[in-house]
Amino acid sequence: MKAGFTLLIILMCSSFAQTPAPSSGTGIEGVISMGPAYGGPARAGMPNSRPLPNTTFVVSGDKGAAAEFTTDETGRFRIALAPGHYSVSIKEKKGMIGHYGPFSVDVTAGQMKAVTWYCDTGMR
């Protein structure tokens, strides 16, 4: 009985070891902005875009949803991910007009991929 329990623990540990965990130096980081920031024509001296703050995005890979992240108050984010190809989309659109992804990104082992993504608010 004790040998069976020990074998079960060893098998469980080996299955966890086969799933590569992303290192803190592998993933994506960047800033997400949105615009036009105001309806109507662009105004001289007024920025036409602004950061997309406190917004949650879902990161999906070949096997479905892989992770989530939330932008900070300046639209910045950083998330560790295993190497692979991902699609990033806003989590909940909740009646928002415009386009907030999906954005496509390839993550390479040992690198933080720097991205700058722009969302179209749909304001004109």
C-alpha atoms as a PDB file:
ATOM      1  CA  MET A   1       0.000   0.000   0.000  1.00  0.00           C
ATOM      2  CA  LYS A   2       2.799   2.416   0.926  1.00  0.00           C
ATOM      3  CA  ALA A   3       4.659   1.583  -2.311  1.00  0.00           C
ATOM      4  CA  GLY A   4       1.499   2.303  -4.351  1.00  0.00           C
ATOM      5  CA  PHE A   5       1.085   5.707  -2.701  1.00  0.00           C
ATOM      6  CA  THR A   6       4.752   6.534  -3.341  1.00  0.00           C
ATOM      7  CA  LEU A   7       4.393   5.532  -6.998  1.00  0.00           C
ATOM      8  CA  LEU A   8       1.306   7.733  -7.329  1.00  0.00           C
ATOM      9  CA  ILE A   9       3.192  10.744  -5.923  1.00  0.00           C
ATOM     10  CA  ILE A  10       6.118  10.140  -8.296  1.00  0.00           C
ATOM     11  CA  LEU A  11       3.784   9.900 -11.302  1.00  0.00           C
ATOM     12  CA  MET A  12       1.985  13.116 -10.320  1.00  0.00           C
ATOM     13  CA  CYS A  13       5.260  15.000  -9.919  1.00  0.00           C
ATOM     14  CA  SER A  14       6.593  13.779 -13.260  1.00  0.00           C
ATOM     15  CA  SER A  15       3.423  14.918 -15.059  1.00  0.00           C
ATOM     16  CA  PHE A  16       3.815  18.412 -13.614  1.00  0.00           C
ATOM     17  CA  ALA A  17       7.463  18.482 -14.652  1.00  0.00           C
ATOM     18  CA  GLN A  18       6.536  17.866 -18.300  1.00  0.00           C
ATOM     19  CA  THR A  19       4.581  21.146 -18.579  1.00  0.00           C
ATOM     20  CA  PRO A  20       7.146  23.885 -19.218  1.00  0.00           C
ATOM     21  CA  ALA A  21       6.531  26.884 -17.023  1.00  0.00           C
ATOM     22  CA  PRO A  22       7.277  30.238 -18.632  1.00  0.00           C
ATOM     23  CA  SER A  23      10.301  31.985 -17.216  1.00  0.00           C
ATOM     24  CA  SER A  24       9.929  35.568 -16.103  1.00  0.00           C
ATOM     25  CA  GLY A  25      11.978  36.557 -19.162  1.00  0.00           C
ATOM     26  CA  THR A  26       9.607  34.928 -21.671  1.00  0.00           C
ATOM     27  CA  GLY A  27       6.299  36.553 -22.637  1.00  0.00           C
ATOM     28  CA  ILE A  28       4.878  39.840 -23.848  1.00  0.00           C
ATOM     29  CA  GLU A  29       4.952  43.391 -22.554  1.00  0.00           C
ATOM     30  CA  GLY A  30       3.799  46.663 -23.959  1.00  0.00           C
ATOM     31  CA  VAL A  31       1.133  49.312 -24.119  1.00  0.00           C
ATOM     32  CA  ILE A  32      -2.386  49.355 -25.504  1.00  0.00           C
ATOM     33  CA  SER A  33      -3.922  52.641 -26.600  1.00  0.00           C
ATOM     34  CA  MET A  34      -7.257  53.586 -28.108  1.00  0.00           C
ATOM     35  CA  GLY A  35      -8.501  56.246 -30.431  1.00  0.00           C
ATOM     36  CA  PRO A  36      -9.926  58.367 -31.743  1.00  0.00           C
ATOM     37  CA  ALA A  37     -10.060  59.728 -28.226  1.00  0.00           C
ATOM     38  CA  TYR A  38     -12.815  62.221 -29.056  1.00  0.00           C
ATOM     39  CA  GLY A  39     -15.688  62.312 -31.516  1.00  0.00           C
ATOM     40  CA  GLY A  40     -15.548  64.665 -34.463  1.00  0.00           C
ATOM     41  CA  PRO A  41     -12.571  65.967 -36.384  1.00  0.00           C
ATOM     42  CA  ALA A  42      -9.041  65.867 -34.968  1.00  0.00           C
ATOM     43  CA  ARG A  43      -8.185  69.045 -33.070  1.00  0.00           C
ATOM     44  CA  ALA A  44      -4.822  70.784 -33.269  1.00  0.00           C
ATOM     45  CA  GLY A  45      -2.875  70.377 -30.049  1.00  0.00           C
ATOM     46  CA  MET A  46      -5.158  67.586 -28.775  1.00  0.00           C
ATOM     47  CA  PRO A  47      -3.940  63.980 -28.769  1.00  0.00           C
ATOM     48  CA  ASN A  48      -6.035  61.710 -30.963  1.00  0.00           C
ATOM     49  CA  SER A  49      -5.376  58.617 -28.840  1.00  0.00           C
ATOM     50  CA  ARG A  50      -5.000  57.762 -25.174  1.00  0.00           C
ATOM     51  CA  PRO A  51      -3.971  54.747 -23.085  1.00  0.00           C
ATOM     52  CA  LEU A  52      -6.529  51.983 -22.532  1.00  0.00           C
ATOM     53  CA  PRO A  53      -6.454  51.738 -18.722  1.00  0.00           C
ATOM     54  CA  ASN A  54      -7.613  48.973 -16.365  1.00  0.00           C
ATOM     55  CA  THR A  55      -8.889  46.696 -19.116  1.00  0.00           C
ATOM     56  CA  THR A  56      -8.677  42.898 -19.014  1.00  0.00           C
ATOM     57  CA  PHE A  57      -7.508  40.910 -22.048  1.00  0.00           C
ATOM     58  CA  VAL A  58      -7.540  37.155 -22.667  1.00  0.00           C
ATOM     59  CA  VAL A  59      -4.507  35.429 -24.177  1.00  0.00           C
ATOM     60  CA  SER A  60      -5.393  32.332 -26.226  1.00  0.00           C
ATOM     61  CA  GLY A  61      -3.021  29.745 -27.655  1.00  0.00           C
ATOM     62  CA  ASP A  62      -3.435  26.543 -29.632  1.00  0.00           C
ATOM     63  CA  LYS A  63      -5.165  24.892 -26.667  1.00  0.00           C
ATOM     64  CA  GLY A  64      -7.591  27.733 -25.880  1.00  0.00           C
ATOM     65  CA  ALA A  65      -7.372  30.405 -23.180  1.00  0.00           C
ATOM     66  CA  ALA A  66      -3.862  30.466 -21.722  1.00  0.00           C
ATOM     67  CA  ALA A  67      -3.878  33.530 -19.454  1.00  0.00           C
ATOM     68  CA  GLU A  68      -5.358  36.943 -18.715  1.00  0.00           C
ATOM     69  CA  PHE A  69      -3.841  40.310 -17.952  1.00  0.00           C
ATOM     70  CA  THR A  70      -5.152  43.752 -17.046  1.00  0.00           C
ATOM     71  CA  THR A  71      -3.594  46.957 -18.305  1.00  0.00           C
ATOM     72  CA  ASP A  72      -2.518  49.483 -15.681  1.00  0.00           C
ATOM     73  CA  GLU A  73      -3.687  53.106 -15.552  1.00  0.00           C
ATOM     74  CA  THR A  74      -1.284  53.991 -18.380  1.00  0.00           C
ATOM     75  CA  GLY A  75      -2.328  51.105 -20.643  1.00  0.00           C
ATOM     76  CA  ARG A  76       0.846  49.111 -19.911  1.00  0.00           C
ATOM     77  CA  PHE A  77       1.040  45.382 -19.190  1.00  0.00           C
ATOM     78  CA  ARG A  78       3.546  42.543 -18.797  1.00  0.00           C
ATOM     79  CA  ILE A  79       2.767  38.826 -18.730  1.00  0.00           C
ATOM     80  CA  ALA A  80       4.949  35.719 -18.667  1.00  0.00           C
ATOM     81  CA  LEU A  81       3.977  33.130 -21.285  1.00  0.00           C
ATOM     82  CA  ALA A  82       5.483  29.926 -22.622  1.00  0.00           C
ATOM     83  CA  PRO A  83       6.897  30.145 -26.149  1.00  0.00           C
ATOM     84  CA  GLY A  84       4.267  29.885 -28.877  1.00  0.00           C
ATOM     85  CA  HIS A  85       1.745  31.718 -31.037  1.00  0.00           C
ATOM     86  CA  TYR A  86      -1.033  33.631 -29.245  1.00  0.00           C
ATOM     87  CA  SER A  87      -4.098  35.720 -29.954  1.00  0.00           C
ATOM     88  CA  VAL A  88      -4.992  38.531 -27.523  1.00  0.00           C
ATOM     89  CA  SER A  89      -8.546  39.915 -27.241  1.00  0.00           C
ATOM     90  CA  ILE A  90     -10.492  42.077 -24.826  1.00  0.00           C
ATOM     91  CA  LYS A  91     -12.219  39.928 -22.194  1.00  0.00           C
ATOM     92  CA  GLU A  92     -15.608  41.615 -22.000  1.00  0.00           C
ATOM     93  CA  LYS A  93     -16.729  44.164 -24.542  1.00  0.00           C
ATOM     94  CA  LYS A  94     -19.985  45.024 -22.650  1.00  0.00           C
ATOM     95  CA  GLY A  95     -21.707  47.173 -25.241  1.00  0.00           C
ATOM     96  CA  MET A  96     -18.527  48.952 -26.300  1.00  0.00           C
ATOM     97  CA  ILE A  97     -18.331  49.921 -29.949  1.00  0.00           C
ATOM     98  CA  GLY A  98     -15.081  49.614 -31.862  1.00  0.00           C
ATOM     99  CA  HIS A  99     -12.400  46.967 -32.260  1.00  0.00           C
ATOM    100  CA  TYR A 100     -10.248  45.786 -29.331  1.00  0.00           C
ATOM    101  CA  GLY A 101      -8.320  42.919 -30.895  1.00  0.00           C
ATOM    102  CA  PRO A 102      -7.636  40.220 -31.606  1.00  0.00           C
ATOM    103  CA  PHE A 103      -3.925  40.917 -31.778  1.00  0.00           C
ATOM    104  CA  SER A 104      -1.542  38.212 -32.929  1.00  0.00           C
ATOM    105  CA  VAL A 105       1.847  37.666 -31.262  1.00  0.00           C
ATOM    106  CA  ASP A 106       4.646  35.092 -31.357  1.00  0.00           C
ATOM    107  CA  VAL A 107       6.535  34.489 -28.114  1.00  0.00           C
ATOM    108  CA  THR A 108      10.135  33.265 -28.333  1.00  0.00           C
ATOM    109  CA  ALA A 109      11.904  31.437 -25.489  1.00  0.00           C
ATOM    110  CA  GLY A 110      14.010  33.758 -23.328  1.00  0.00           C
ATOM    111  CA  GLN A 111      12.541  36.967 -24.760  1.00  0.00           C
ATOM    112  CA  MET A 112       9.931  39.475 -23.657  1.00  0.00           C
ATOM    113  CA  LYS A 113       8.208  40.494 -26.900  1.00  0.00           C
ATOM    114  CA  ALA A 114       7.584  44.263 -26.867  1.00  0.00           C
ATOM    115  CA  VAL A 115       4.287  45.271 -28.483  1.00  0.00           C
ATOM    116  CA  THR A 116       2.313  48.455 -29.061  1.00  0.00           C
ATOM    117  CA  TRP A 117      -1.315  47.768 -29.910  1.00  0.00           C
ATOM    118  CA  TYR A 118      -3.960  50.264 -30.997  1.00  0.00           C
ATOM    119  CA  CYS A 119      -7.703  49.795 -30.474  1.00  0.00           C
ATOM    120  CA  ASP A 120     -10.229  51.613 -32.655  1.00  0.00           C
ATOM    121  CA  THR A 121     -12.943  53.152 -30.466  1.00  0.00           C
ATOM    122  CA  GLY A 122     -15.280  53.573 -33.425  1.00  0.00           C
ATOM    123  CA  MET A 123     -15.829  57.266 -32.625  1.00  0.00           C
ATOM    124  CA  ARG A 124     -16.004  59.488 -35.671  1.00  0.00           C
END
